[in-house]
Amino acid sequence: MAETEPTSPKNRLIRLVNDHHARLVGNTREPWLVKLTPHITVLGIIVTGCVAAFGLPGPIDGLICYGKDLVDPDNTIKVATGTAAAFFAIAALGKYELTRNQNRLAQEQVLIDDRSQITDRFTRAIEQLGHDTTTIRLGAIYALEHIAKDSTDTYGQTVIDVLSAYIREHRPQTEPPTSPEPLTTDQQSALTVLGRSHAYLKNPRIDLSTADLTGANLTDANLVGVNLSGANLAGANLDGANLTDANLDGANLAGANL
């Protein structure tokens, strides 16, 4: 059996992005009542025209209802008026449907363009997240935060997943434990972005389980519901941090400032 080539952190992040794109489904369908309203209106106009032309049904003779005599010269104008009303109603409906479809297509194109623009920004930020230069990685992290703010429904949680995975991949715990290196500037920045994501996302799911966060600065971070199970928070600054409902099962808090 052939050996599988190890997957790099960058490739795992790209796979995460692709999985997210596969789940995106646009929903541009209109409510059924909105679709039927113009048709009902036109039907009403046609019925009104017919009543104007032919009148209401006459008296019931047995089971048969009689309208006005169509060959009566006095009804010629009414017949012409009713027919014209029905014709123009049908023409108006056709014009309405054409305009509505054109507007719908234009709106869909705007939506596609917006999504495409955000997708391009997102993809570019993911690529830069794996760059060798710290400043470029920093720019990518803050770019992802802006994307999450601009598109909370589509990319909000995905950005959280990407940054959480970024921390876990770059700050894994070793066996046996070794003296960890301090967090790099971009790693600390990713934690800071995660710690303030509650300001623009509703209940973001942050997973930092098993990550080595030794000495991390999480001052005033909103970590409600965060998964920190098995994480190493030795010496971390958690002063003012909100850890309500956080999962700290197996976490190392030795020397942490709480």
C-alpha atoms as a PDB file:
ATOM      1  CA  MET A   1       0.000   0.000   0.000  1.00  0.00           C
ATOM      2  CA  ALA A   2       1.457   3.349  -1.013  1.00  0.00           C
ATOM      3  CA  GLU A   3       2.326   5.771   1.763  1.00  0.00           C
ATOM      4  CA  THR A   4       0.295   8.939   1.956  1.00  0.00           C
ATOM      5  CA  GLU A   5       2.313  12.110   1.667  1.00  0.00           C
ATOM      6  CA  PRO A   6       2.084  14.166   4.877  1.00  0.00           C
ATOM      7  CA  THR A   7      -0.340  17.035   4.628  1.00  0.00           C
ATOM      8  CA  SER A   8       1.166  20.425   5.417  1.00  0.00           C
ATOM      9  CA  PRO A   9      -0.661  22.946   7.636  1.00  0.00           C
ATOM     10  CA  LYS A  10      -1.175  25.178   4.612  1.00  0.00           C
ATOM     11  CA  ASN A  11      -2.794  22.352   2.619  1.00  0.00           C
ATOM     12  CA  ARG A  12      -5.070  21.555   5.543  1.00  0.00           C
ATOM     13  CA  LEU A  13      -6.185  25.176   5.655  1.00  0.00           C
ATOM     14  CA  ILE A  14      -6.818  25.146   1.895  1.00  0.00           C
ATOM     15  CA  ARG A  15      -8.863  21.958   2.266  1.00  0.00           C
ATOM     16  CA  LEU A  16     -10.898  23.664   4.982  1.00  0.00           C
ATOM     17  CA  VAL A  17     -11.580  26.560   2.625  1.00  0.00           C
ATOM     18  CA  ASN A  18     -12.608  24.235  -0.215  1.00  0.00           C
ATOM     19  CA  ASP A  19     -14.987  22.345   2.062  1.00  0.00           C
ATOM     20  CA  HIS A  20     -16.569  25.649   3.032  1.00  0.00           C
ATOM     21  CA  HIS A  21     -17.007  26.716  -0.598  1.00  0.00           C
ATOM     22  CA  ALA A  22     -18.711  23.413  -1.372  1.00  0.00           C
ATOM     23  CA  ARG A  23     -21.327  24.172   1.283  1.00  0.00           C
ATOM     24  CA  LEU A  24     -22.208  27.596  -0.114  1.00  0.00           C
ATOM     25  CA  VAL A  25     -25.600  27.528  -1.821  1.00  0.00           C
ATOM     26  CA  GLY A  26     -27.284  30.716  -2.992  1.00  0.00           C
ATOM     27  CA  ASN A  27     -30.977  31.035  -2.293  1.00  0.00           C
ATOM     28  CA  THR A  28     -32.563  33.595  -4.569  1.00  0.00           C
ATOM     29  CA  ARG A  29     -36.045  32.104  -4.880  1.00  0.00           C
ATOM     30  CA  GLU A  30     -38.973  34.471  -4.383  1.00  0.00           C
ATOM     31  CA  PRO A  31     -41.913  33.751  -2.064  1.00  0.00           C
ATOM     32  CA  TRP A  32     -44.789  32.117  -3.919  1.00  0.00           C
ATOM     33  CA  LEU A  33     -47.187  34.938  -3.030  1.00  0.00           C
ATOM     34  CA  VAL A  34     -44.881  37.505  -4.657  1.00  0.00           C
ATOM     35  CA  LYS A  35     -44.815  35.439  -7.844  1.00  0.00           C
ATOM     36  CA  LEU A  36     -48.583  35.023  -7.992  1.00  0.00           C
ATOM     37  CA  THR A  37     -49.587  38.621  -7.181  1.00  0.00           C
ATOM     38  CA  PRO A  38     -49.249  40.022 -10.756  1.00  0.00           C
ATOM     39  CA  HIS A  39     -51.014  36.996 -12.213  1.00  0.00           C
ATOM     40  CA  ILE A  40     -53.916  37.409  -9.806  1.00  0.00           C
ATOM     41  CA  THR A  41     -54.079  41.119 -10.668  1.00  0.00           C
ATOM     42  CA  VAL A  42     -54.203  40.408 -14.406  1.00  0.00           C
ATOM     43  CA  LEU A  43     -56.868  37.758 -13.891  1.00  0.00           C
ATOM     44  CA  GLY A  44     -58.921  40.331 -12.010  1.00  0.00           C
ATOM     45  CA  ILE A  45     -58.571  42.814 -14.878  1.00  0.00           C
ATOM     46  CA  ILE A  46     -59.630  40.162 -17.410  1.00  0.00           C
ATOM     47  CA  VAL A  47     -62.669  39.214 -15.339  1.00  0.00           C
ATOM     48  CA  THR A  48     -63.581  42.870 -14.924  1.00  0.00           C
ATOM     49  CA  GLY A  49     -63.284  43.382 -18.699  1.00  0.00           C
ATOM     50  CA  CYS A  50     -65.478  40.381 -19.388  1.00  0.00           C
ATOM     51  CA  VAL A  51     -68.100  41.628 -16.958  1.00  0.00           C
ATOM     52  CA  ALA A  52     -67.982  45.048 -18.617  1.00  0.00           C
ATOM     53  CA  ALA A  53     -68.363  43.439 -22.038  1.00  0.00           C
ATOM     54  CA  PHE A  54     -70.893  40.717 -21.376  1.00  0.00           C
ATOM     55  CA  GLY A  55     -72.438  41.672 -18.065  1.00  0.00           C
ATOM     56  CA  LEU A  56     -73.120  39.401 -15.150  1.00  0.00           C
ATOM     57  CA  PRO A  57     -74.936  36.102 -15.749  1.00  0.00           C
ATOM     58  CA  GLY A  58     -78.621  36.539 -16.360  1.00  0.00           C
ATOM     59  CA  PRO A  59     -81.478  34.912 -14.488  1.00  0.00           C
ATOM     60  CA  ILE A  60     -81.268  31.197 -13.953  1.00  0.00           C
ATOM     61  CA  ASP A  61     -83.446  29.197 -16.268  1.00  0.00           C
ATOM     62  CA  GLY A  62     -83.217  25.692 -14.936  1.00  0.00           C
ATOM     63  CA  LEU A  63     -79.480  25.104 -14.564  1.00  0.00           C
ATOM     64  CA  ILE A  64     -78.354  27.414 -17.390  1.00  0.00           C
ATOM     65  CA  CYS A  65     -77.218  31.028 -16.822  1.00  0.00           C
ATOM     66  CA  TYR A  66     -77.575  33.473 -19.695  1.00  0.00           C
ATOM     67  CA  GLY A  67     -75.469  36.597 -20.239  1.00  0.00           C
ATOM     68  CA  LYS A  68     -76.269  39.544 -22.416  1.00  0.00           C
ATOM     69  CA  ASP A  69     -76.932  38.944 -26.049  1.00  0.00           C
ATOM     70  CA  LEU A  70     -73.552  39.238 -27.775  1.00  0.00           C
ATOM     71  CA  VAL A  71     -75.124  40.248 -31.096  1.00  0.00           C
ATOM     72  CA  ASP A  72     -76.953  43.192 -29.551  1.00  0.00           C
ATOM     73  CA  PRO A  73     -75.475  46.333 -31.238  1.00  0.00           C
ATOM     74  CA  ASP A  74     -75.693  48.189 -27.943  1.00  0.00           C
ATOM     75  CA  ASN A  75     -73.060  45.826 -26.508  1.00  0.00           C
ATOM     76  CA  THR A  76     -70.481  46.293 -29.282  1.00  0.00           C
ATOM     77  CA  ILE A  77     -68.544  49.020 -27.452  1.00  0.00           C
ATOM     78  CA  LYS A  78     -68.579  47.052 -24.207  1.00  0.00           C
ATOM     79  CA  VAL A  79     -67.309  43.935 -25.963  1.00  0.00           C
ATOM     80  CA  ALA A  80     -64.521  45.896 -27.609  1.00  0.00           C
ATOM     81  CA  THR A  81     -63.613  47.563 -24.318  1.00  0.00           C
ATOM     82  CA  GLY A  82     -63.509  44.289 -22.411  1.00  0.00           C
ATOM     83  CA  THR A  83     -61.460  42.574 -25.104  1.00  0.00           C
ATOM     84  CA  ALA A  84     -58.980  45.454 -25.192  1.00  0.00           C
ATOM     85  CA  ALA A  85     -58.707  45.433 -21.398  1.00  0.00           C
ATOM     86  CA  ALA A  86     -57.950  41.722 -21.418  1.00  0.00           C
ATOM     87  CA  PHE A  87     -55.403  42.142 -24.217  1.00  0.00           C
ATOM     88  CA  PHE A  88     -53.567  44.982 -22.507  1.00  0.00           C
ATOM     89  CA  ALA A  89     -53.649  43.103 -19.202  1.00  0.00           C
ATOM     90  CA  ILE A  90     -51.954  40.109 -20.810  1.00  0.00           C
ATOM     91  CA  ALA A  91     -49.422  42.401 -22.512  1.00  0.00           C
ATOM     92  CA  ALA A  92     -48.743  44.149 -19.212  1.00  0.00           C
ATOM     93  CA  LEU A  93     -48.174  40.800 -17.539  1.00  0.00           C
ATOM     94  CA  GLY A  94     -45.669  39.826 -20.210  1.00  0.00           C
ATOM     95  CA  LYS A  95     -43.846  43.143 -19.790  1.00  0.00           C
ATOM     96  CA  TYR A  96     -43.864  42.728 -16.020  1.00  0.00           C
ATOM     97  CA  GLU A  97     -42.453  39.195 -16.222  1.00  0.00           C
ATOM     98  CA  LEU A  98     -39.708  40.339 -18.598  1.00  0.00           C
ATOM     99  CA  THR A  99     -38.729  43.247 -16.335  1.00  0.00           C
ATOM    100  CA  ARG A 100     -38.882  41.092 -13.214  1.00  0.00           C
ATOM    101  CA  ASN A 101     -36.627  38.461 -14.752  1.00  0.00           C
ATOM    102  CA  GLN A 102     -34.162  41.113 -15.897  1.00  0.00           C
ATOM    103  CA  ASN A 103     -34.062  42.644 -12.406  1.00  0.00           C
ATOM    104  CA  ARG A 104     -33.648  39.223 -10.823  1.00  0.00           C
ATOM    105  CA  LEU A 105     -30.761  38.386 -13.133  1.00  0.00           C
ATOM    106  CA  ALA A 106     -29.150  41.756 -12.370  1.00  0.00           C
ATOM    107  CA  GLN A 107     -29.487  41.175  -8.622  1.00  0.00           C
ATOM    108  CA  GLU A 108     -28.056  37.685  -8.936  1.00  0.00           C
ATOM    109  CA  GLN A 109     -25.111  39.054 -10.909  1.00  0.00           C
ATOM    110  CA  VAL A 110     -24.429  41.657  -8.212  1.00  0.00           C
ATOM    111  CA  LEU A 111     -24.580  38.919  -5.584  1.00  0.00           C
ATOM    112  CA  ILE A 112     -22.224  36.735  -7.604  1.00  0.00           C
ATOM    113  CA  ASP A 113     -19.802  39.645  -8.080  1.00  0.00           C
ATOM    114  CA  ASP A 114     -19.844  40.429  -4.351  1.00  0.00           C
ATOM    115  CA  ARG A 115     -19.262  36.806  -3.428  1.00  0.00           C
ATOM    116  CA  SER A 116     -16.525  36.504  -6.016  1.00  0.00           C
ATOM    117  CA  GLN A 117     -14.772  39.582  -4.649  1.00  0.00           C
ATOM    118  CA  ILE A 118     -14.918  38.327  -1.066  1.00  0.00           C
ATOM    119  CA  THR A 119     -13.833  34.860  -2.185  1.00  0.00           C
ATOM    120  CA  ASP A 120     -10.819  36.354  -3.959  1.00  0.00           C
ATOM    121  CA  ARG A 121      -9.900  38.331  -0.832  1.00  0.00           C
ATOM    122  CA  PHE A 122     -10.330  35.232   1.303  1.00  0.00           C
ATOM    123  CA  THR A 123      -8.246  33.004  -0.964  1.00  0.00           C
ATOM    124  CA  ARG A 124      -5.474  35.606  -1.169  1.00  0.00           C
ATOM    125  CA  ALA A 125      -5.420  35.947   2.632  1.00  0.00           C
ATOM    126  CA  ILE A 126      -5.163  32.168   3.042  1.00  0.00           C
ATOM    127  CA  GLU A 127      -2.208  32.068   0.675  1.00  0.00           C
ATOM    128  CA  GLN A 128      -0.494  34.911   2.540  1.00  0.00           C
ATOM    129  CA  LEU A 129      -1.109  33.162   5.857  1.00  0.00           C
ATOM    130  CA  GLY A 130       1.502  30.615   4.825  1.00  0.00           C
ATOM    131  CA  HIS A 131       4.102  33.204   3.783  1.00  0.00           C
ATOM    132  CA  ASP A 132       7.592  33.183   5.281  1.00  0.00           C
ATOM    133  CA  THR A 133       7.486  36.893   6.161  1.00  0.00           C
ATOM    134  CA  THR A 134       5.888  37.802   9.485  1.00  0.00           C
ATOM    135  CA  THR A 135       4.455  41.113   8.302  1.00  0.00           C
ATOM    136  CA  ILE A 136       2.665  39.436   5.389  1.00  0.00           C
ATOM    137  CA  ARG A 137       1.191  36.828   7.726  1.00  0.00           C
ATOM    138  CA  LEU A 138       0.042  39.634  10.028  1.00  0.00           C
ATOM    139  CA  GLY A 139      -1.663  41.367   7.108  1.00  0.00           C
ATOM    140  CA  ALA A 140      -3.390  38.101   6.205  1.00  0.00           C
ATOM    141  CA  ILE A 141      -4.721  37.660   9.746  1.00  0.00           C
ATOM    142  CA  TYR A 142      -6.211  41.157   9.861  1.00  0.00           C
ATOM    143  CA  ALA A 143      -7.539  40.759   6.317  1.00  0.00           C
ATOM    144  CA  LEU A 144      -9.376  37.634   7.439  1.00  0.00           C
ATOM    145  CA  GLU A 145     -10.847  39.557  10.362  1.00  0.00           C
ATOM    146  CA  HIS A 146     -12.184  42.221   7.980  1.00  0.00           C
ATOM    147  CA  ILE A 147     -13.674  39.525   5.752  1.00  0.00           C
ATOM    148  CA  ALA A 148     -15.417  37.970   8.756  1.00  0.00           C
ATOM    149  CA  LYS A 149     -16.904  41.386   9.588  1.00  0.00           C
ATOM    150  CA  ASP A 150     -17.963  42.079   5.983  1.00  0.00           C
ATOM    151  CA  SER A 151     -19.521  38.651   5.448  1.00  0.00           C
ATOM    152  CA  THR A 152     -20.513  37.308   8.846  1.00  0.00           C
ATOM    153  CA  ASP A 153     -23.022  34.763   7.537  1.00  0.00           C
ATOM    154  CA  THR A 154     -20.840  33.333   4.786  1.00  0.00           C
ATOM    155  CA  TYR A 155     -17.283  33.586   6.079  1.00  0.00           C
ATOM    156  CA  GLY A 156     -17.570  34.502   9.761  1.00  0.00           C
ATOM    157  CA  GLN A 157     -17.264  31.046  11.285  1.00  0.00           C
ATOM    158  CA  THR A 158     -14.907  29.905   8.526  1.00  0.00           C
ATOM    159  CA  VAL A 159     -12.419  32.636   9.468  1.00  0.00           C
ATOM    160  CA  ILE A 160     -12.670  31.488  13.098  1.00  0.00           C
ATOM    161  CA  ASP A 161     -12.000  27.896  12.004  1.00  0.00           C
ATOM    162  CA  VAL A 162      -9.010  28.963   9.899  1.00  0.00           C
ATOM    163  CA  LEU A 163      -7.385  31.051  12.647  1.00  0.00           C
ATOM    164  CA  SER A 164      -8.073  28.377  15.269  1.00  0.00           C
ATOM    165  CA  ALA A 165      -6.483  25.756  13.025  1.00  0.00           C
ATOM    166  CA  TYR A 166      -3.568  28.120  12.388  1.00  0.00           C
ATOM    167  CA  ILE A 167      -2.862  28.305  16.130  1.00  0.00           C
ATOM    168  CA  ARG A 168      -3.258  24.558  16.671  1.00  0.00           C
ATOM    169  CA  GLU A 169      -1.022  23.700  13.715  1.00  0.00           C
ATOM    170  CA  HIS A 170       1.744  26.124  14.652  1.00  0.00           C
ATOM    171  CA  ARG A 171       1.541  25.677  18.434  1.00  0.00           C
ATOM    172  CA  PRO A 172       1.193  21.924  18.974  1.00  0.00           C
ATOM    173  CA  GLN A 173       2.246  20.377  22.251  1.00  0.00           C
ATOM    174  CA  THR A 174       5.172  18.000  22.083  1.00  0.00           C
ATOM    175  CA  GLU A 175       5.656  14.635  23.707  1.00  0.00           C
ATOM    176  CA  PRO A 176       7.582  14.604  25.923  1.00  0.00           C
ATOM    177  CA  PRO A 177       6.922  18.264  26.835  1.00  0.00           C
ATOM    178  CA  THR A 178       9.759  20.641  26.022  1.00  0.00           C
ATOM    179  CA  SER A 179      10.410  24.242  26.950  1.00  0.00           C
ATOM    180  CA  PRO A 180       8.141  26.069  24.472  1.00  0.00           C
ATOM    181  CA  GLU A 181       9.216  29.077  22.487  1.00  0.00           C
ATOM    182  CA  PRO A 182       7.290  32.324  23.019  1.00  0.00           C
ATOM    183  CA  LEU A 183       4.389  32.976  20.699  1.00  0.00           C
ATOM    184  CA  THR A 184       5.375  34.796  17.539  1.00  0.00           C
ATOM    185  CA  THR A 185       3.810  38.157  16.713  1.00  0.00           C
ATOM    186  CA  ASP A 186       1.416  36.686  14.166  1.00  0.00           C
ATOM    187  CA  GLN A 187       0.371  33.852  16.481  1.00  0.00           C
ATOM    188  CA  GLN A 188      -0.418  36.315  19.272  1.00  0.00           C
ATOM    189  CA  SER A 189      -2.322  38.491  16.790  1.00  0.00           C
ATOM    190  CA  ALA A 190      -4.427  35.523  15.695  1.00  0.00           C
ATOM    191  CA  LEU A 191      -5.321  34.883  19.345  1.00  0.00           C
ATOM    192  CA  THR A 192      -6.229  38.552  19.790  1.00  0.00           C
ATOM    193  CA  VAL A 193      -8.524  38.450  16.737  1.00  0.00           C
ATOM    194  CA  LEU A 194     -10.207  35.307  18.058  1.00  0.00           C
ATOM    195  CA  GLY A 195     -10.605  36.898  21.478  1.00  0.00           C
ATOM    196  CA  ARG A 196     -12.627  39.819  20.080  1.00  0.00           C
ATOM    197  CA  SER A 197     -14.672  37.958  17.468  1.00  0.00           C
ATOM    198  CA  HIS A 198     -17.764  37.985  19.711  1.00  0.00           C
ATOM    199  CA  ALA A 199     -18.064  41.694  18.885  1.00  0.00           C
ATOM    200  CA  TYR A 200     -19.285  40.899  15.342  1.00  0.00           C
ATOM    201  CA  LEU A 201     -20.156  37.184  15.382  1.00  0.00           C
ATOM    202  CA  LYS A 202     -22.890  35.446  17.328  1.00  0.00           C
ATOM    203  CA  ASN A 203     -21.488  32.572  19.378  1.00  0.00           C
ATOM    204  CA  PRO A 204     -18.324  31.871  17.352  1.00  0.00           C
ATOM    205  CA  ARG A 205     -17.018  28.341  17.889  1.00  0.00           C
ATOM    206  CA  ILE A 206     -13.345  28.707  18.819  1.00  0.00           C
ATOM    207  CA  ASP A 207     -11.342  25.485  19.077  1.00  0.00           C
ATOM    208  CA  LEU A 208      -7.902  25.840  20.654  1.00  0.00           C
ATOM    209  CA  SER A 209      -7.837  22.362  22.145  1.00  0.00           C
ATOM    210  CA  THR A 210      -4.373  20.863  22.814  1.00  0.00           C
ATOM    211  CA  ALA A 211      -2.659  24.071  21.632  1.00  0.00           C
ATOM    212  CA  ASP A 212       0.465  25.286  23.405  1.00  0.00           C
ATOM    213  CA  LEU A 213      -0.483  28.765  24.561  1.00  0.00           C
ATOM    214  CA  THR A 214       2.288  29.163  27.101  1.00  0.00           C
ATOM    215  CA  GLY A 215       2.669  32.823  28.059  1.00  0.00           C
ATOM    216  CA  ALA A 216      -0.143  33.950  25.736  1.00  0.00           C
ATOM    217  CA  ASN A 217      -1.624  37.394  26.307  1.00  0.00           C
ATOM    218  CA  LEU A 218      -5.384  36.906  26.564  1.00  0.00           C
ATOM    219  CA  THR A 219      -6.126  40.000  28.629  1.00  0.00           C
ATOM    220  CA  ASP A 220      -9.830  40.950  28.417  1.00  0.00           C
ATOM    221  CA  ALA A 221     -10.376  38.318  25.718  1.00  0.00           C
ATOM    222  CA  ASN A 222     -13.945  37.098  25.220  1.00  0.00           C
ATOM    223  CA  LEU A 223     -13.494  33.341  25.343  1.00  0.00           C
ATOM    224  CA  VAL A 224     -17.095  32.356  26.048  1.00  0.00           C
ATOM    225  CA  GLY A 225     -17.587  28.716  25.102  1.00  0.00           C
ATOM    226  CA  VAL A 226     -14.035  28.326  23.765  1.00  0.00           C
ATOM    227  CA  ASN A 227     -12.613  24.810  23.636  1.00  0.00           C
ATOM    228  CA  LEU A 228      -9.357  24.849  25.606  1.00  0.00           C
ATOM    229  CA  SER A 229      -9.392  21.195  26.565  1.00  0.00           C
ATOM    230  CA  GLY A 230      -5.847  19.874  26.932  1.00  0.00           C
ATOM    231  CA  ALA A 231      -4.353  23.276  26.108  1.00  0.00           C
ATOM    232  CA  ASN A 232      -1.189  24.475  27.833  1.00  0.00           C
ATOM    233  CA  LEU A 233      -1.941  27.892  29.361  1.00  0.00           C
ATOM    234  CA  ALA A 234       1.033  27.932  31.716  1.00  0.00           C
ATOM    235  CA  GLY A 235       2.003  31.521  32.476  1.00  0.00           C
ATOM    236  CA  ALA A 236      -0.761  32.914  30.251  1.00  0.00           C
ATOM    237  CA  ASN A 237      -2.251  36.292  31.114  1.00  0.00           C
ATOM    238  CA  LEU A 238      -6.006  35.769  31.457  1.00  0.00           C
ATOM    239  CA  ASP A 239      -6.661  38.913  33.470  1.00  0.00           C
ATOM    240  CA  GLY A 240     -10.197  40.113  32.684  1.00  0.00           C
ATOM    241  CA  ALA A 241     -10.807  37.260  30.213  1.00  0.00           C
ATOM    242  CA  ASN A 242     -14.361  35.907  30.003  1.00  0.00           C
ATOM    243  CA  LEU A 243     -14.168  32.117  30.252  1.00  0.00           C
ATOM    244  CA  THR A 244     -17.887  31.469  30.743  1.00  0.00           C
ATOM    245  CA  ASP A 245     -18.782  27.933  29.559  1.00  0.00           C
ATOM    246  CA  ALA A 246     -15.207  27.427  28.326  1.00  0.00           C
ATOM    247  CA  ASN A 247     -13.998  23.820  28.169  1.00  0.00           C
ATOM    248  CA  LEU A 248     -10.874  23.690  30.358  1.00  0.00           C
ATOM    249  CA  ASP A 249     -10.846  19.930  30.802  1.00  0.00           C
ATOM    250  CA  GLY A 250      -7.203  18.843  31.123  1.00  0.00           C
ATOM    251  CA  ALA A 251      -5.876  22.354  30.505  1.00  0.00           C
ATOM    252  CA  ASN A 252      -2.626  23.381  32.217  1.00  0.00           C
ATOM    253  CA  LEU A 253      -3.133  26.678  34.070  1.00  0.00           C
ATOM    254  CA  ALA A 254       0.070  26.560  36.127  1.00  0.00           C
ATOM    255  CA  GLY A 255       1.268  30.107  36.759  1.00  0.00           C
ATOM    256  CA  ALA A 256      -1.553  31.637  34.700  1.00  0.00           C
ATOM    257  CA  ASN A 257      -2.771  35.069  35.729  1.00  0.00           C
ATOM    258  CA  LEU A 258      -6.482  34.681  36.347  1.00  0.00           C
END
